[in-house]
N, C-alpha and C. Protein backbone atom coordinates (compact mmCIF):
# COMPACT_ATOMS: atom_id res chain seq x y z
N MET A 1 171.80 73.35 73.85
CA MET A 1 171.07 72.48 74.69
C MET A 1 170.37 72.92 75.65
N LEU A 2 170.60 74.26 76.37
CA LEU A 2 169.75 75.09 76.98
C LEU A 2 168.55 75.35 76.49
N THR A 3 168.40 75.65 75.25
CA THR A 3 167.07 75.85 74.75
C THR A 3 166.18 74.59 74.63
N PHE A 4 166.77 73.52 74.55
CA PHE A 4 165.82 71.99 74.70
C PHE A 4 165.20 71.98 76.05
N TYR A 5 165.89 72.35 77.04
CA TYR A 5 165.41 72.23 78.50
C TYR A 5 164.47 73.25 78.69
N ARG A 6 164.63 74.37 78.25
CA ARG A 6 163.66 75.49 78.56
C ARG A 6 162.65 75.05 77.65
N ILE A 7 162.62 74.48 76.57
CA ILE A 7 161.08 74.16 75.90
C ILE A 7 160.72 73.03 76.62
N TRP A 8 161.25 71.91 76.99
CA TRP A 8 160.95 70.87 77.65
C TRP A 8 160.13 71.36 79.06
N TYR A 9 160.92 72.25 79.85
CA TYR A 9 160.41 72.96 80.99
C TYR A 9 158.88 73.58 80.72
N ASN A 10 158.92 74.06 79.60
CA ASN A 10 157.74 75.29 79.33
C ASN A 10 156.36 74.11 78.93
N ILE A 11 156.96 73.00 78.34
CA ILE A 11 155.82 71.97 77.95
C ILE A 11 155.26 71.36 79.09
N LEU A 12 156.24 71.01 80.18
CA LEU A 12 155.83 70.21 81.55
C LEU A 12 155.13 71.47 82.29
N SER A 13 155.29 72.47 82.33
CA SER A 13 154.78 73.38 82.99
C SER A 13 153.38 73.46 82.49
N MET A 14 153.19 73.86 81.30
CA MET A 14 151.75 73.98 80.72
C MET A 14 151.00 72.67 81.00
N SER A 15 151.61 71.65 80.98
CA SER A 15 150.89 70.34 81.19
C SER A 15 150.60 69.98 82.46
N GLY A 16 151.02 70.67 83.60
CA GLY A 16 150.79 70.58 85.10
C GLY A 16 151.59 69.40 85.58
N PHE A 17 152.82 69.12 84.97
CA PHE A 17 153.52 67.73 85.48
C PHE A 17 154.69 68.58 86.51
N LEU A 18 154.82 69.81 86.61
CA LEU A 18 155.74 70.22 87.46
C LEU A 18 155.13 70.39 88.92
N PHE A 19 155.75 70.17 89.91
CA PHE A 19 155.31 70.11 91.36
C PHE A 19 155.33 71.61 91.55
N ASN A 20 154.41 71.81 92.71
CA ASN A 20 154.37 73.19 93.21
C ASN A 20 155.93 73.66 93.73
N PRO A 21 156.29 74.89 93.27
CA PRO A 21 157.79 75.26 93.72
C PRO A 21 157.55 75.64 95.20
N LYS A 22 156.45 75.90 95.75
CA LYS A 22 156.62 75.97 97.50
C LYS A 22 157.22 74.95 98.21
N THR A 23 157.70 75.36 99.20
CA THR A 23 158.24 74.10 100.24
C THR A 23 157.31 74.00 101.21
N PRO A 24 157.40 73.01 101.96
CA PRO A 24 156.33 72.88 103.33
C PRO A 24 156.55 74.19 104.13
N ASN A 25 157.66 74.52 104.23
CA ASN A 25 157.90 75.61 105.26
C ASN A 25 157.27 76.92 104.58
N ASP A 26 157.23 77.09 103.32
CA ASP A 26 156.68 78.38 102.60
C ASP A 26 155.16 78.29 102.95
N ILE A 27 154.74 77.23 102.72
CA ILE A 27 153.10 76.99 103.02
C ILE A 27 152.73 77.07 104.54
N ALA A 28 153.56 76.54 105.14
CA ALA A 28 153.24 76.81 106.80
C ALA A 28 153.30 78.19 107.12
N LYS A 29 154.51 78.97 106.58
CA LYS A 29 154.49 80.36 106.99
C LYS A 29 153.28 81.26 106.58
N GLU A 30 152.56 80.96 105.33
CA GLU A 30 151.69 81.47 104.81
C GLU A 30 150.57 81.16 105.62
N LEU A 31 150.22 79.98 106.04
CA LEU A 31 149.15 79.65 106.72
C LEU A 31 149.14 80.46 108.23
N VAL A 32 150.32 80.44 108.81
CA VAL A 32 150.43 80.85 110.12
C VAL A 32 150.43 82.35 110.16
N GLU A 33 150.84 82.91 109.00
CA GLU A 33 150.80 84.36 109.00
C GLU A 33 149.15 84.84 108.93
N LYS A 34 148.33 84.05 108.06
CA LYS A 34 147.12 84.22 107.83
C LYS A 34 146.12 84.09 109.41
N ILE A 35 146.54 83.25 109.95
CA ILE A 35 146.14 83.01 111.39
C ILE A 35 146.26 84.00 112.16
N LYS A 36 147.76 84.46 112.19
CA LYS A 36 148.11 85.43 113.15
C LYS A 36 147.37 86.95 112.97
N GLN A 37 147.32 87.14 111.49
CA GLN A 37 146.55 88.26 111.12
C GLN A 37 145.15 88.25 111.74
N HIS A 38 144.60 87.13 111.47
CA HIS A 38 143.19 86.97 112.17
C HIS A 38 143.15 87.22 113.77
N ARG A 39 144.24 86.74 114.19
CA ARG A 39 144.22 87.02 115.73
C ARG A 39 144.19 88.49 116.18
N LYS A 40 145.14 89.11 115.32
CA LYS A 40 145.22 90.51 115.68
C LYS A 40 143.98 91.40 115.25
N LYS A 41 143.58 90.94 113.98
CA LYS A 41 142.19 91.58 113.83
C LYS A 41 141.10 91.63 114.74
N LEU A 42 141.06 90.31 115.51
CA LEU A 42 140.28 90.12 116.72
C LEU A 42 140.63 91.03 117.95
N LYS A 43 141.92 91.66 117.97
CA LYS A 43 142.40 92.18 119.04
C LYS A 43 142.64 91.07 120.22
N ILE A 44 143.20 90.03 119.92
CA ILE A 44 143.38 88.94 120.96
C ILE A 44 145.19 88.84 120.88
N SER A 45 145.67 88.94 122.03
CA SER A 45 146.95 89.05 122.21
C SER A 45 147.31 87.37 122.29
N GLN A 46 148.73 86.89 122.14
CA GLN A 46 149.08 85.65 122.25
C GLN A 46 148.71 85.09 123.74
N VAL A 47 148.96 85.82 124.76
CA VAL A 47 148.64 85.54 126.16
C VAL A 47 147.09 85.29 126.27
N GLN A 48 146.07 85.83 125.60
CA GLN A 48 144.76 85.73 125.55
C GLN A 48 144.31 84.44 124.92
N LEU A 49 145.08 84.41 123.60
CA LEU A 49 144.81 83.22 122.77
C LEU A 49 145.36 82.01 123.52
N ALA A 50 146.31 81.96 124.42
CA ALA A 50 146.75 80.76 125.11
C ALA A 50 145.69 80.38 126.16
N THR A 51 145.07 81.28 126.85
CA THR A 51 144.13 81.32 127.84
C THR A 51 142.87 80.70 127.16
N LYS A 52 142.54 81.24 126.21
CA LYS A 52 141.20 80.97 125.75
C LYS A 52 141.11 79.34 124.68
N SER A 53 142.47 79.09 124.32
CA SER A 53 142.54 77.96 123.46
C SER A 53 143.12 76.79 124.44
N GLY A 54 143.65 76.99 125.65
CA GLY A 54 144.21 75.91 126.45
C GLY A 54 145.63 75.49 125.67
N VAL A 55 146.24 76.26 125.03
CA VAL A 55 147.51 75.86 124.46
C VAL A 55 148.58 76.80 125.23
N SER A 56 149.60 76.27 125.54
CA SER A 56 150.54 77.05 126.19
C SER A 56 151.07 78.16 125.43
N LEU A 57 151.56 79.09 126.14
CA LEU A 57 151.90 80.70 125.37
C LEU A 57 153.16 80.16 124.76
N GLY A 58 153.96 79.22 125.16
CA GLY A 58 155.19 79.03 124.69
C GLY A 58 154.90 78.29 123.32
N SER A 59 153.87 77.52 123.20
CA SER A 59 153.44 76.83 121.84
C SER A 59 152.94 77.77 120.92
N ILE A 60 152.32 78.76 121.47
CA ILE A 60 151.72 79.77 120.64
C ILE A 60 152.69 80.60 120.11
N LYS A 61 153.70 81.19 120.61
CA LYS A 61 154.98 81.64 120.33
C LYS A 61 155.92 80.93 119.18
N ARG A 62 155.99 79.69 119.57
CA ARG A 62 156.79 78.74 118.77
C ARG A 62 155.93 78.68 117.32
N PHE A 63 154.66 78.45 117.53
CA PHE A 63 153.65 78.30 116.24
C PHE A 63 153.94 79.63 115.09
N GLU A 64 153.96 80.77 115.97
CA GLU A 64 153.67 81.91 115.18
C GLU A 64 155.39 82.36 114.87
N SER A 65 156.36 81.83 115.14
CA SER A 65 157.61 82.23 114.98
C SER A 65 158.27 81.09 114.19
N LYS A 66 158.19 80.06 114.42
CA LYS A 66 158.81 78.71 113.70
C LYS A 66 157.79 77.94 113.03
N TYR A 67 156.51 78.00 113.13
CA TYR A 67 155.41 77.38 112.37
C TYR A 67 155.39 75.90 112.91
N GLU A 68 155.77 75.72 114.19
CA GLU A 68 155.84 74.28 114.76
C GLU A 68 154.55 74.09 115.69
N ILE A 69 153.78 73.33 115.45
CA ILE A 69 152.85 72.85 116.78
C ILE A 69 152.14 71.62 116.46
N SER A 70 151.64 71.10 117.47
CA SER A 70 150.95 69.52 117.36
C SER A 70 149.50 70.02 116.61
N LEU A 71 149.09 68.79 116.05
CA LEU A 71 147.74 69.00 115.35
C LEU A 71 146.60 69.30 116.26
N ASN A 72 146.61 68.61 117.68
CA ASN A 72 145.73 69.16 118.54
C ASN A 72 145.85 70.33 119.04
N SER A 73 146.89 71.19 119.18
CA SER A 73 147.21 72.38 119.59
C SER A 73 146.49 73.38 118.37
N PHE A 74 146.72 72.99 117.24
CA PHE A 74 146.41 73.89 115.94
C PHE A 74 144.94 73.78 116.05
N ILE A 75 144.28 72.73 116.24
CA ILE A 75 143.05 72.64 116.13
C ILE A 75 142.34 73.34 117.33
N LYS A 76 142.66 73.29 118.39
CA LYS A 76 142.55 74.36 119.65
C LYS A 76 142.33 75.73 119.17
N ILE A 77 143.65 76.11 118.57
CA ILE A 77 143.77 77.56 118.18
C ILE A 77 142.63 77.89 117.02
N LEU A 78 142.66 77.17 116.44
CA LEU A 78 141.35 77.52 115.42
C LEU A 78 139.97 77.52 116.07
N ILE A 79 139.96 76.73 116.93
CA ILE A 79 138.46 76.98 117.54
C ILE A 79 138.36 78.06 118.42
N ALA A 80 139.48 78.53 119.07
CA ALA A 80 139.49 79.80 119.92
C ALA A 80 139.32 80.98 118.91
N LEU A 81 139.95 80.84 117.59
CA LEU A 81 139.65 82.14 116.70
C LEU A 81 138.53 81.78 116.02
N ASN A 82 137.63 80.93 116.08
CA ASN A 82 136.41 80.64 115.50
C ASN A 82 136.88 80.40 114.01
N LEU A 83 137.86 79.68 113.64
CA LEU A 83 138.24 79.29 112.52
C LEU A 83 138.13 77.83 112.13
N GLU A 84 137.30 77.20 113.11
CA GLU A 84 137.30 75.46 112.59
C GLU A 84 136.42 75.05 111.77
N GLN A 85 135.41 76.19 111.29
CA GLN A 85 134.86 75.73 110.07
C GLN A 85 135.50 75.79 108.89
N ASP A 86 136.46 76.53 108.75
CA ASP A 86 137.28 76.95 107.45
C ASP A 86 138.26 75.65 107.56
N LEU A 87 138.38 74.86 108.53
CA LEU A 87 139.28 73.52 108.61
C LEU A 87 138.41 72.29 108.21
N GLU A 88 136.88 72.38 108.72
CA GLU A 88 136.14 71.34 107.96
C GLU A 88 135.77 71.61 106.75
N ASN A 89 135.75 72.88 106.05
CA ASN A 89 135.57 72.71 104.65
C ASN A 89 136.91 72.74 103.64
N LEU A 90 138.10 72.32 104.36
CA LEU A 90 139.01 72.34 103.84
C LEU A 90 139.15 71.21 102.57
N PHE A 91 138.68 70.18 103.16
CA PHE A 91 138.53 69.12 101.99
C PHE A 91 137.28 68.74 101.40
N MET A 92 136.23 69.58 101.96
CA MET A 92 135.06 69.23 101.35
C MET A 92 135.00 69.61 100.00
N GLN A 93 134.32 68.81 99.21
CA GLN A 93 134.17 68.84 97.81
C GLN A 93 132.86 69.18 97.45
N LYS A 94 132.66 70.35 96.64
CA LYS A 94 131.23 70.57 96.46
C LYS A 94 130.58 70.04 95.21
N ASN A 95 129.53 69.35 95.11
CA ASN A 95 128.87 68.89 94.07
C ASN A 95 128.19 69.72 93.24
N TYR A 96 128.35 69.71 91.97
CA TYR A 96 127.76 70.36 90.87
C TYR A 96 126.70 69.59 90.19
N ASN A 97 125.63 70.40 90.01
CA ASN A 97 124.38 69.69 89.16
C ASN A 97 124.50 70.00 87.57
N SER A 98 125.27 71.12 87.35
CA SER A 98 125.41 71.52 85.93
C SER A 98 126.54 72.31 85.65
N ILE A 99 126.88 72.56 84.59
CA ILE A 99 128.01 73.39 84.27
C ILE A 99 127.91 74.75 84.49
N ASP A 100 126.48 75.41 84.49
CA ASP A 100 126.38 76.62 84.74
C ASP A 100 126.80 76.89 86.30
N GLU A 101 126.30 75.76 87.40
CA GLU A 101 126.92 76.09 88.62
C GLU A 101 128.53 76.25 88.65
N VAL A 102 129.09 75.51 87.98
CA VAL A 102 130.55 75.50 88.04
C VAL A 102 131.01 76.85 87.53
N ILE A 103 130.37 77.26 86.73
CA ILE A 103 130.99 78.65 85.95
C ILE A 103 130.62 79.75 86.79
N ASN A 104 129.40 79.81 87.56
CA ASN A 104 128.67 80.99 88.30
C ASN A 104 129.10 80.66 89.65
N GLY A 105 129.57 79.66 90.01
CA GLY A 105 129.78 79.52 91.63
C GLY A 105 128.78 78.88 92.35
């Protein structure tokens, strides 16, 4: 019986019917870590980010440790780190004129 389930699982996996195994917390952690790395790359401290973004230091710390923040504060942080264009591009769909454009980017 275990073999049947394994085969069925493989079929569903190949067909794209299984959901992403990542939890919302996993995704939030990855996103926050990328933003935190970017902040550090720019040599901006949490205190400096709080001042520059207008988001409280406590909110910055909670964001980087517990991945919790309001959408408004999140956007302020992205603007302060010059990442707002990445957010704007998140849901933009590129229009292709040919299959060559799809293949070659």
